[in-house]
N, C-alpha and C. Protein backbone atom coordinates (compact mmCIF):
# COMPACT_ATOMS: atom_id res chain seq x y z
N MET A 1 -10.36 75.60 28.56
CA MET A 1 -11.15 74.13 28.48
C MET A 1 -9.50 73.61 28.84
N VAL A 2 -9.87 72.58 29.54
CA VAL A 2 -9.31 71.55 30.51
C VAL A 2 -9.38 70.01 29.28
N PHE A 3 -8.14 70.06 28.68
CA PHE A 3 -8.44 68.08 27.75
C PHE A 3 -7.14 66.89 28.73
N THR A 4 -8.55 66.26 29.05
CA THR A 4 -7.38 65.02 29.25
C THR A 4 -7.53 63.68 28.73
N SER A 5 -6.76 63.27 28.91
CA SER A 5 -6.80 61.53 28.60
C SER A 5 -7.94 60.76 29.43
N SER A 6 -8.39 59.97 29.29
CA SER A 6 -9.53 58.81 29.84
C SER A 6 -8.46 57.17 29.11
N ILE A 7 -8.58 56.19 29.98
CA ILE A 7 -8.66 55.52 29.40
C ILE A 7 -9.99 54.43 29.19
N TRP A 8 -10.14 53.79 27.48
CA TRP A 8 -11.25 53.16 27.26
C TRP A 8 -11.68 52.11 27.93
N SER A 9 -11.14 51.16 28.84
CA SER A 9 -11.44 50.33 29.26
C SER A 9 -12.22 50.78 30.95
N ASP A 10 -11.48 51.75 31.26
CA ASP A 10 -12.84 52.08 32.31
C ASP A 10 -13.83 52.87 31.67
N LYS A 11 -14.25 52.94 30.58
CA LYS A 11 -15.75 53.93 29.99
C LYS A 11 -17.39 52.68 29.29
N TYR A 12 -16.17 51.71 28.70
CA TYR A 12 -16.28 50.77 28.09
C TYR A 12 -16.61 49.09 28.01
N MET A 13 -17.08 48.05 27.89
CA MET A 13 -17.27 47.38 28.06
C MET A 13 -16.17 46.73 26.07
N GLU A 14 -16.81 47.10 25.07
CA GLU A 14 -16.20 46.53 24.02
C GLU A 14 -14.67 47.13 23.93
N PRO A 15 -14.07 46.16 23.80
CA PRO A 15 -13.29 46.37 23.37
C PRO A 15 -12.47 47.65 22.25
N LEU A 16 -11.32 48.18 22.04
CA LEU A 16 -11.56 49.48 21.34
C LEU A 16 -10.53 48.73 19.69
N THR A 17 -11.77 49.30 19.27
CA THR A 17 -11.63 48.93 17.79
C THR A 17 -12.09 49.92 16.57
N GLU A 18 -11.72 49.36 15.59
CA GLU A 18 -12.21 50.70 14.66
C GLU A 18 -13.95 50.21 14.38
N GLU A 19 -13.89 49.23 13.78
CA GLU A 19 -15.53 48.70 13.92
C GLU A 19 -16.16 49.33 15.12
N TYR A 20 -15.81 49.15 16.37
CA TYR A 20 -16.40 49.56 17.30
C TYR A 20 -16.35 51.34 17.01
N LEU A 21 -16.25 51.64 16.79
CA LEU A 21 -15.13 53.16 16.44
C LEU A 21 -16.41 53.59 15.75
N HIS A 22 -16.82 52.74 14.23
CA HIS A 22 -18.12 53.58 13.55
C HIS A 22 -19.14 52.88 14.37
N ILE A 23 -19.09 52.10 15.28
CA ILE A 23 -21.07 52.11 15.84
C ILE A 23 -20.74 53.31 16.42
N LEU A 24 -20.11 53.41 17.47
CA LEU A 24 -20.30 54.36 17.95
C LEU A 24 -20.74 55.86 17.56
N PHE A 25 -19.33 56.21 16.56
CA PHE A 25 -19.78 57.18 16.00
C PHE A 25 -19.92 57.12 14.42
N PRO A 26 -21.31 56.98 13.49
CA PRO A 26 -22.03 56.38 12.43
C PRO A 26 -21.58 58.00 11.68
N THR A 27 -21.80 57.68 10.03
CA THR A 27 -22.30 58.62 9.62
C THR A 27 -22.66 58.35 8.67
N PRO A 28 -23.42 60.18 9.16
CA PRO A 28 -23.10 61.34 8.57
C PRO A 28 -23.33 61.55 9.25
N ASN A 29 -23.01 61.75 10.62
CA ASN A 29 -22.86 62.71 11.66
C ASN A 29 -21.50 62.75 12.20
N TYR A 30 -20.45 61.75 12.17
CA TYR A 30 -19.73 62.34 12.38
C TYR A 30 -18.22 61.62 11.43
N ARG A 31 -16.98 62.40 11.39
CA ARG A 31 -16.00 61.90 10.77
C ARG A 31 -14.95 61.39 11.45
N LEU A 32 -14.77 59.82 11.16
CA LEU A 32 -13.03 59.41 11.48
C LEU A 32 -12.51 59.19 10.19
N SER A 33 -11.00 59.49 10.45
CA SER A 33 -10.10 59.50 9.96
C SER A 33 -8.95 58.37 11.02
N ILE A 34 -8.50 57.27 10.01
CA ILE A 34 -8.05 56.34 10.55
C ILE A 34 -6.56 56.53 10.45
N ARG A 35 -5.53 56.85 11.09
CA ARG A 35 -3.86 57.34 10.92
C ARG A 35 -3.46 56.17 11.32
N LYS A 36 -2.09 55.67 10.79
CA LYS A 36 -0.86 55.03 10.73
C LYS A 36 0.31 55.21 10.20
N TYR A 37 1.70 55.54 11.71
CA TYR A 37 2.63 56.36 11.17
C TYR A 37 3.16 55.54 12.23
N PRO A 38 4.48 55.46 11.06
CA PRO A 38 5.84 55.21 11.69
C PRO A 38 6.42 55.67 12.99
N TYR A 39 7.21 54.09 13.17
CA TYR A 39 8.42 55.20 14.56
C TYR A 39 8.92 56.27 14.18
N GLN A 40 9.33 56.90 15.17
CA GLN A 40 9.59 58.31 14.88
C GLN A 40 9.29 59.48 13.68
N THR A 41 8.33 59.18 13.53
CA THR A 41 7.41 60.06 12.95
C THR A 41 6.88 61.39 13.90
N LYS A 42 7.25 62.48 12.66
CA LYS A 42 6.72 63.78 13.61
C LYS A 42 6.06 64.98 12.37
N PHE A 43 5.60 65.12 12.48
CA PHE A 43 4.80 66.66 11.05
C PHE A 43 4.38 67.52 12.06
N SER A 44 3.83 68.40 11.55
CA SER A 44 2.71 69.43 12.41
C SER A 44 1.89 70.18 11.38
N GLY A 45 1.28 70.70 11.86
CA GLY A 45 -0.47 70.80 10.42
C GLY A 45 -1.75 71.38 11.86
N ARG A 46 -2.69 71.47 11.06
CA ARG A 46 -3.49 72.34 11.48
C ARG A 46 -5.18 71.43 11.58
N MET A 47 -5.93 71.99 12.71
CA MET A 47 -6.89 70.70 12.36
C MET A 47 -8.10 71.15 13.25
N ARG A 48 -8.51 70.53 12.99
CA ARG A 48 -10.71 70.83 14.41
C ARG A 48 -10.70 70.59 15.63
N GLN A 49 -11.25 70.81 16.48
CA GLN A 49 -11.91 69.79 17.86
C GLN A 49 -11.87 68.61 17.66
N GLY A 50 -11.52 67.75 18.38
CA GLY A 50 -11.46 66.86 18.27
C GLY A 50 -11.75 65.47 19.16
N THR A 51 -11.92 64.37 19.16
CA THR A 51 -11.30 62.97 19.99
C THR A 51 -10.48 62.29 19.20
N CYS A 52 -9.35 61.40 19.84
CA CYS A 52 -8.11 60.61 18.66
C CYS A 52 -8.42 59.60 20.21
N PHE A 53 -8.53 58.66 19.34
CA PHE A 53 -8.73 57.35 20.06
C PHE A 53 -7.49 56.32 19.80
N VAL A 54 -6.50 56.11 20.44
CA VAL A 54 -5.27 55.33 20.08
C VAL A 54 -5.42 53.83 20.17
N LEU A 55 -5.09 52.88 18.83
CA LEU A 55 -5.32 51.74 18.91
C LEU A 55 -3.87 50.84 19.26
N SER A 56 -2.78 51.42 19.04
CA SER A 56 -1.42 50.82 19.01
C SER A 56 -0.66 52.02 19.07
N GLY A 57 0.32 51.94 20.34
CA GLY A 57 1.72 52.82 20.00
C GLY A 57 1.39 53.85 21.05
N ALA A 58 1.48 54.98 21.35
CA ALA A 58 1.11 56.11 21.48
C ALA A 58 2.12 57.36 20.99
N VAL A 59 1.14 58.25 20.69
CA VAL A 59 1.27 59.65 20.44
C VAL A 59 0.72 60.77 21.47
N LYS A 60 1.67 61.85 20.98
CA LYS A 60 2.13 62.87 21.72
C LYS A 60 1.72 64.54 20.31
N PHE A 61 0.75 64.80 21.06
CA PHE A 61 0.32 65.94 20.27
C PHE A 61 1.06 67.28 21.50
N HIS A 62 1.53 67.77 20.08
CA HIS A 62 1.82 69.43 20.92
C HIS A 62 0.89 70.81 20.30
N PHE A 63 -0.09 71.51 21.20
CA PHE A 63 -0.28 72.36 20.35
C PHE A 63 0.44 74.35 21.55
N GLU A 64 -0.32 74.85 20.99
CA GLU A 64 0.10 76.41 21.36
C GLU A 64 0.53 75.84 23.04
N ARG A 65 -0.44 75.64 24.01
CA ARG A 65 -0.45 75.36 25.01
C ARG A 65 -1.39 74.66 25.85
N MET A 66 -0.67 73.69 25.37
CA MET A 66 -0.48 72.36 25.95
C MET A 66 -0.16 71.15 25.66
N THR A 67 0.34 70.21 25.59
CA THR A 67 0.86 68.33 25.28
C THR A 67 -0.44 67.43 26.12
N LEU A 68 -0.69 66.78 25.00
CA LEU A 68 -1.42 65.86 25.21
C LEU A 68 -0.74 64.43 24.68
N LEU A 69 0.10 63.31 25.81
CA LEU A 69 0.35 61.99 25.09
C LEU A 69 -0.88 60.96 25.47
N ILE A 70 -0.90 60.24 24.49
CA ILE A 70 -2.13 59.86 24.48
C ILE A 70 -2.20 58.16 24.29
N ASN A 71 -1.61 56.63 25.33
CA ASN A 71 -1.44 55.48 24.75
C ASN A 71 -2.22 54.96 24.33
N GLU A 72 -1.33 53.50 23.74
CA GLU A 72 -2.47 52.21 23.42
C GLU A 72 -4.00 52.35 24.42
N GLY A 73 -5.10 52.16 24.04
CA GLY A 73 -6.05 52.12 24.98
C GLY A 73 -6.48 53.90 25.59
N TRP A 74 -6.07 54.17 25.28
CA TRP A 74 -6.54 55.65 25.68
C TRP A 74 -6.92 56.67 25.06
N PHE A 75 -8.27 57.77 24.97
CA PHE A 75 -7.97 58.75 24.02
C PHE A 75 -8.37 59.82 25.24
N SER A 76 -8.23 61.21 23.69
CA SER A 76 -8.46 62.27 24.43
C SER A 76 -8.99 62.99 23.56
N ASP A 77 -10.15 64.16 24.16
CA ASP A 77 -10.42 65.32 23.09
C ASP A 77 -9.35 66.53 22.74
N LEU A 78 -9.33 66.83 21.36
CA LEU A 78 -8.02 67.57 21.41
C LEU A 78 -8.85 68.66 21.09
N PRO A 79 -8.05 69.85 21.22
CA PRO A 79 -8.43 71.66 21.82
C PRO A 79 -8.01 72.26 19.93
N GLY A 80 -7.81 71.31 18.83
CA GLY A 80 -7.97 71.98 17.41
C GLY A 80 -6.27 73.36 17.61
N GLY A 81 -6.28 73.59 16.16
CA GLY A 81 -5.32 74.76 16.03
C GLY A 81 -4.47 74.17 15.36
N ASP A 82 -3.27 75.01 15.37
CA ASP A 82 -2.36 74.35 14.85
C ASP A 82 -1.16 73.40 15.62
N TYR A 83 -0.57 72.38 15.09
CA TYR A 83 -0.46 71.40 16.40
C TYR A 83 0.78 71.02 15.57
N GLU A 84 2.45 70.41 16.45
CA GLU A 84 2.77 69.39 16.12
C GLU A 84 2.19 67.33 16.15
N MET A 85 2.43 66.92 15.25
CA MET A 85 2.44 65.61 16.54
C MET A 85 3.78 64.71 16.22
N GLU A 86 3.66 63.44 16.73
CA GLU A 86 4.57 62.30 16.67
C GLU A 86 4.58 61.68 17.59
N VAL A 87 4.77 60.54 16.95
CA VAL A 87 4.79 59.09 17.60
C VAL A 87 6.19 58.33 18.84
N ASN A 88 4.92 58.64 19.78
CA ASN A 88 5.41 58.68 21.16
C ASN A 88 6.25 57.07 21.56
N SER A 89 6.73 56.25 20.61
CA SER A 89 6.35 54.38 21.33
C SER A 89 7.31 54.26 20.25
N ALA A 90 8.06 53.12 20.46
CA ALA A 90 8.96 52.03 19.97
C ALA A 90 8.44 51.37 19.01
N ILE A 91 7.28 51.94 18.56
CA ILE A 91 6.54 50.94 17.65
C ILE A 91 5.72 51.72 17.00
N ASP A 92 5.04 51.48 15.79
CA ASP A 92 3.82 52.10 14.87
C ASP A 92 3.10 52.55 15.74
N ALA A 93 2.64 53.90 15.49
CA ALA A 93 1.34 54.56 16.11
C ALA A 93 -0.03 54.01 15.20
N LYS A 94 -0.70 53.88 15.44
CA LYS A 94 -2.44 54.16 14.76
C LYS A 94 -3.53 54.39 15.74
N PHE A 95 -4.01 55.19 15.25
CA PHE A 95 -5.12 56.02 16.04
C PHE A 95 -5.96 56.05 15.10
N VAL A 96 -7.64 56.88 15.52
CA VAL A 96 -8.45 57.13 15.05
C VAL A 96 -8.92 58.53 15.75
N LEU A 97 -9.06 59.61 14.09
CA LEU A 97 -9.13 60.47 14.95
C LEU A 97 -10.74 61.07 14.71
N VAL A 98 -11.54 61.30 15.36
CA VAL A 98 -13.07 61.66 15.30
C VAL A 98 -13.24 62.92 15.14
N TRP A 99 -14.70 63.77 14.08
CA TRP A 99 -15.26 64.79 14.60
C TRP A 99 -16.74 64.74 14.61
N ASP A 100 -17.12 65.76 15.56
CA ASP A 100 -18.74 65.84 15.57
C ASP A 100 -19.18 66.43 14.40
N LEU A 101 -19.97 66.13 13.14
CA LEU A 101 -19.90 67.46 11.91
C LEU A 101 -20.53 68.03 12.16
N GLU A 102 -22.15 67.66 13.26
CA GLU A 102 -22.71 68.48 13.79
C GLU A 102 -22.17 70.17 13.94
N LYS A 103 -21.85 69.94 15.41
CA LYS A 103 -20.49 70.46 15.88
C LYS A 103 -19.81 71.79 15.21
N LEU A 104 -19.24 71.31 14.30
CA LEU A 104 -18.38 71.73 13.25
C LEU A 104 -18.96 72.69 13.18
N LEU A 105 -20.52 72.07 11.72
CA LEU A 105 -21.24 72.67 10.95
C LEU A 105 -21.84 73.80 12.05
N ASP A 106 -22.61 72.97 12.90
CA ASP A 106 -22.84 75.11 13.34
C ASP A 106 -21.68 75.56 13.77
N SER A 107 -20.27 75.31 14.79
CA SER A 107 -19.30 76.73 14.39
C SER A 107 -19.67 77.60 13.24
N ARG A 108 -19.80 77.05 12.00
CA ARG A 108 -19.38 77.83 10.98
C ARG A 108 -18.16 78.71 11.14
N SER A 109 -17.20 78.70 11.56
CA SER A 109 -15.48 79.17 11.71
C SER A 109 -14.51 78.14 12.02
N TYR A 110 -13.77 78.59 11.75
CA TYR A 110 -12.24 77.72 12.25
C TYR A 110 -11.89 78.12 13.43
N SER A 111 -12.41 78.77 14.21
CA SER A 111 -11.53 79.51 14.98
C SER A 111 -11.18 78.50 16.24
N PRO A 112 -10.43 77.71 16.61
CA PRO A 112 -10.07 77.21 17.44
C PRO A 112 -10.10 77.33 18.67
């Protein structure tokens, strides 16, 4: 599976905001997690497959077989699994992670 980043304004007329993402991805069908990290933050974790929308700054996700750099105003599907994330800009990064709960519940497994 290939994961690529896209420019928000190439696909949507509305500005990329938390409010508009809540309209596009309503509960209870989706889970949205708003994250804000200061410059030079770096950590590791594990996640399920989802989509990342960067509202400000830039973030880099390192997965086992790929690295994705997502800049402000861009979005990308993330493969899920073990990862390292780092703020990749000279300013704080703010982004929204979105998960399609129906897909996650249908899979019934955590095999990314």
